[in-house]
Amino acid sequence: MIGIDAFGFDRPFAAMAEDFRRTGDGRFHLAGPFAGITRSYCQIEKLAHLEQIGRSHGFKVAAFPVKIRRASAGFARVVAFVDE
């Protein structure tokens, strides 16, 4: 599982497009989704209050998604469980 407090993992589209035009290398385009090609993972964006966890690792996370009909993504209530 990968989580971030930003709107996404990728650079601005204009920067990716310019690198692709310059090099012809498709790896510059949308690198975030390509990370899951070799190993499946769950990507969660726009997380809030991460500083309240108090550590960068060593805790469990549960995500409770809200089902949205015919959608490939949606929102979720994400909870961190930190053992004292």
C-alpha atoms as a PDB file:
ATOM      1  CA  MET A   1       0.000   0.000   0.000  1.00  0.00           C
ATOM      2  CA  ILE A   2       1.231   3.460  -0.874  1.00  0.00           C
ATOM      3  CA  GLY A   3      -0.318   6.603   0.570  1.00  0.00           C
ATOM      4  CA  ILE A   4       0.318  10.287  -0.055  1.00  0.00           C
ATOM      5  CA  ASP A   5      -1.196  13.560   1.063  1.00  0.00           C
ATOM      6  CA  ALA A   6      -1.074  15.064  -2.449  1.00  0.00           C
ATOM      7  CA  PHE A   7      -3.455  14.776  -5.395  1.00  0.00           C
ATOM      8  CA  GLY A   8      -1.270  12.168  -7.066  1.00  0.00           C
ATOM      9  CA  PHE A   9       2.179  10.703  -7.534  1.00  0.00           C
ATOM     10  CA  ASP A  10       2.838  11.994 -11.015  1.00  0.00           C
ATOM     11  CA  ARG A  11       4.502  15.180 -12.133  1.00  0.00           C
ATOM     12  CA  PRO A  12       2.456  17.822 -13.959  1.00  0.00           C
ATOM     13  CA  PHE A  13       1.277  16.557 -17.349  1.00  0.00           C
ATOM     14  CA  ALA A  14       3.060  19.352 -19.256  1.00  0.00           C
ATOM     15  CA  ALA A  15       6.421  18.272 -17.780  1.00  0.00           C
ATOM     16  CA  MET A  16       5.781  14.613 -18.642  1.00  0.00           C
ATOM     17  CA  ALA A  17       4.731  15.526 -22.197  1.00  0.00           C
ATOM     18  CA  GLU A  18       7.834  17.668 -22.724  1.00  0.00           C
ATOM     19  CA  ASP A  19      10.134  14.856 -21.541  1.00  0.00           C
ATOM     20  CA  PHE A  20       8.360  12.422 -23.875  1.00  0.00           C
ATOM     21  CA  ARG A  21       8.669  14.813 -26.844  1.00  0.00           C
ATOM     22  CA  ARG A  22      12.347  15.335 -26.068  1.00  0.00           C
ATOM     23  CA  THR A  23      13.288  11.668 -25.560  1.00  0.00           C
ATOM     24  CA  GLY A  24      10.523   9.506 -27.026  1.00  0.00           C
ATOM     25  CA  ASP A  25      10.684   7.467 -23.811  1.00  0.00           C
ATOM     26  CA  GLY A  26       7.188   6.483 -22.650  1.00  0.00           C
ATOM     27  CA  ARG A  27       8.393   5.817 -19.100  1.00  0.00           C
ATOM     28  CA  PHE A  28       8.159   9.554 -18.444  1.00  0.00           C
ATOM     29  CA  HIS A  29       4.379   9.417 -18.853  1.00  0.00           C
ATOM     30  CA  LEU A  30       2.282   8.609 -15.741  1.00  0.00           C
ATOM     31  CA  ALA A  31       4.985   6.776 -13.807  1.00  0.00           C
ATOM     32  CA  GLY A  32       2.686   6.206 -10.796  1.00  0.00           C
ATOM     33  CA  PRO A  33       0.309   3.720 -12.469  1.00  0.00           C
ATOM     34  CA  PHE A  34       3.233   1.898 -14.129  1.00  0.00           C
ATOM     35  CA  ALA A  35       4.588   1.016 -10.679  1.00  0.00           C
ATOM     36  CA  GLY A  36       1.860  -1.621 -10.412  1.00  0.00           C
ATOM     37  CA  ILE A  37       2.861  -3.488 -13.562  1.00  0.00           C
ATOM     38  CA  THR A  38       5.443  -5.705 -11.873  1.00  0.00           C
ATOM     39  CA  ARG A  39       3.895  -5.817  -8.399  1.00  0.00           C
ATOM     40  CA  SER A  40       0.310  -5.077  -7.426  1.00  0.00           C
ATOM     41  CA  TYR A  41      -0.280  -2.361  -4.872  1.00  0.00           C
ATOM     42  CA  CYS A  42      -3.007  -0.108  -3.534  1.00  0.00           C
ATOM     43  CA  GLN A  43      -2.502   3.619  -4.137  1.00  0.00           C
ATOM     44  CA  ILE A  44      -4.304   6.069  -1.841  1.00  0.00           C
ATOM     45  CA  GLU A  45      -4.097   9.802  -2.500  1.00  0.00           C
ATOM     46  CA  LYS A  46      -5.222  12.965  -0.698  1.00  0.00           C
ATOM     47  CA  LEU A  47      -4.670  11.563   2.798  1.00  0.00           C
ATOM     48  CA  ALA A  48      -5.006  14.008   5.692  1.00  0.00           C
ATOM     49  CA  HIS A  49      -3.573  14.315   9.212  1.00  0.00           C
ATOM     50  CA  LEU A  50      -0.607  12.013   8.516  1.00  0.00           C
ATOM     51  CA  GLU A  51       1.438  13.836  11.153  1.00  0.00           C
ATOM     52  CA  GLN A  52      -0.899  12.465  13.825  1.00  0.00           C
ATOM     53  CA  ILE A  53       0.368   8.927  13.185  1.00  0.00           C
ATOM     54  CA  GLY A  54       3.692   9.899  14.760  1.00  0.00           C
ATOM     55  CA  ARG A  55       5.899   7.581  12.684  1.00  0.00           C
ATOM     56  CA  SER A  56       6.662   6.734   9.052  1.00  0.00           C
ATOM     57  CA  HIS A  57       6.298   2.941   9.379  1.00  0.00           C
ATOM     58  CA  GLY A  58       5.399   0.205  11.846  1.00  0.00           C
ATOM     59  CA  PHE A  59       1.625   0.652  11.865  1.00  0.00           C
ATOM     60  CA  LYS A  60      -1.350  -0.975  10.156  1.00  0.00           C
ATOM     61  CA  VAL A  61      -3.733   0.736   7.773  1.00  0.00           C
ATOM     62  CA  ALA A  62      -7.307  -0.099   6.855  1.00  0.00           C
ATOM     63  CA  ALA A  63      -9.226   1.572   4.047  1.00  0.00           C
ATOM     64  CA  PHE A  64     -13.002   1.456   3.971  1.00  0.00           C
ATOM     65  CA  PRO A  65     -14.003   2.416   0.408  1.00  0.00           C
ATOM     66  CA  VAL A  66     -17.310   3.911  -0.580  1.00  0.00           C
ATOM     67  CA  LYS A  67     -18.663   1.981  -3.538  1.00  0.00           C
ATOM     68  CA  ILE A  68     -19.432   4.105  -6.571  1.00  0.00           C
ATOM     69  CA  ARG A  69     -21.308   2.436  -9.391  1.00  0.00           C
ATOM     70  CA  ARG A  70     -19.320   2.033 -12.631  1.00  0.00           C
ATOM     71  CA  ALA A  71     -16.270   3.852 -11.220  1.00  0.00           C
ATOM     72  CA  SER A  72     -12.644   2.753 -11.301  1.00  0.00           C
ATOM     73  CA  ALA A  73     -11.782   4.881  -8.265  1.00  0.00           C
ATOM     74  CA  GLY A  74     -13.527   6.574  -5.391  1.00  0.00           C
ATOM     75  CA  PHE A  75     -13.065   7.836  -1.879  1.00  0.00           C
ATOM     76  CA  ALA A  76     -12.464   5.945   1.334  1.00  0.00           C
ATOM     77  CA  ARG A  77     -12.252   6.379   5.094  1.00  0.00           C
ATOM     78  CA  VAL A  78      -8.621   5.477   5.828  1.00  0.00           C
ATOM     79  CA  VAL A  79      -7.605   4.596   9.394  1.00  0.00           C
ATOM     80  CA  ALA A  80      -4.129   3.988  10.868  1.00  0.00           C
ATOM     81  CA  PHE A  81      -3.748   1.571  13.797  1.00  0.00           C
ATOM     82  CA  VAL A  82      -0.646   2.376  15.848  1.00  0.00           C
ATOM     83  CA  ASP A  83       0.438   0.029  18.646  1.00  0.00           C
ATOM     84  CA  GLU A  84       1.833   1.862  21.668  1.00  0.00           C
END
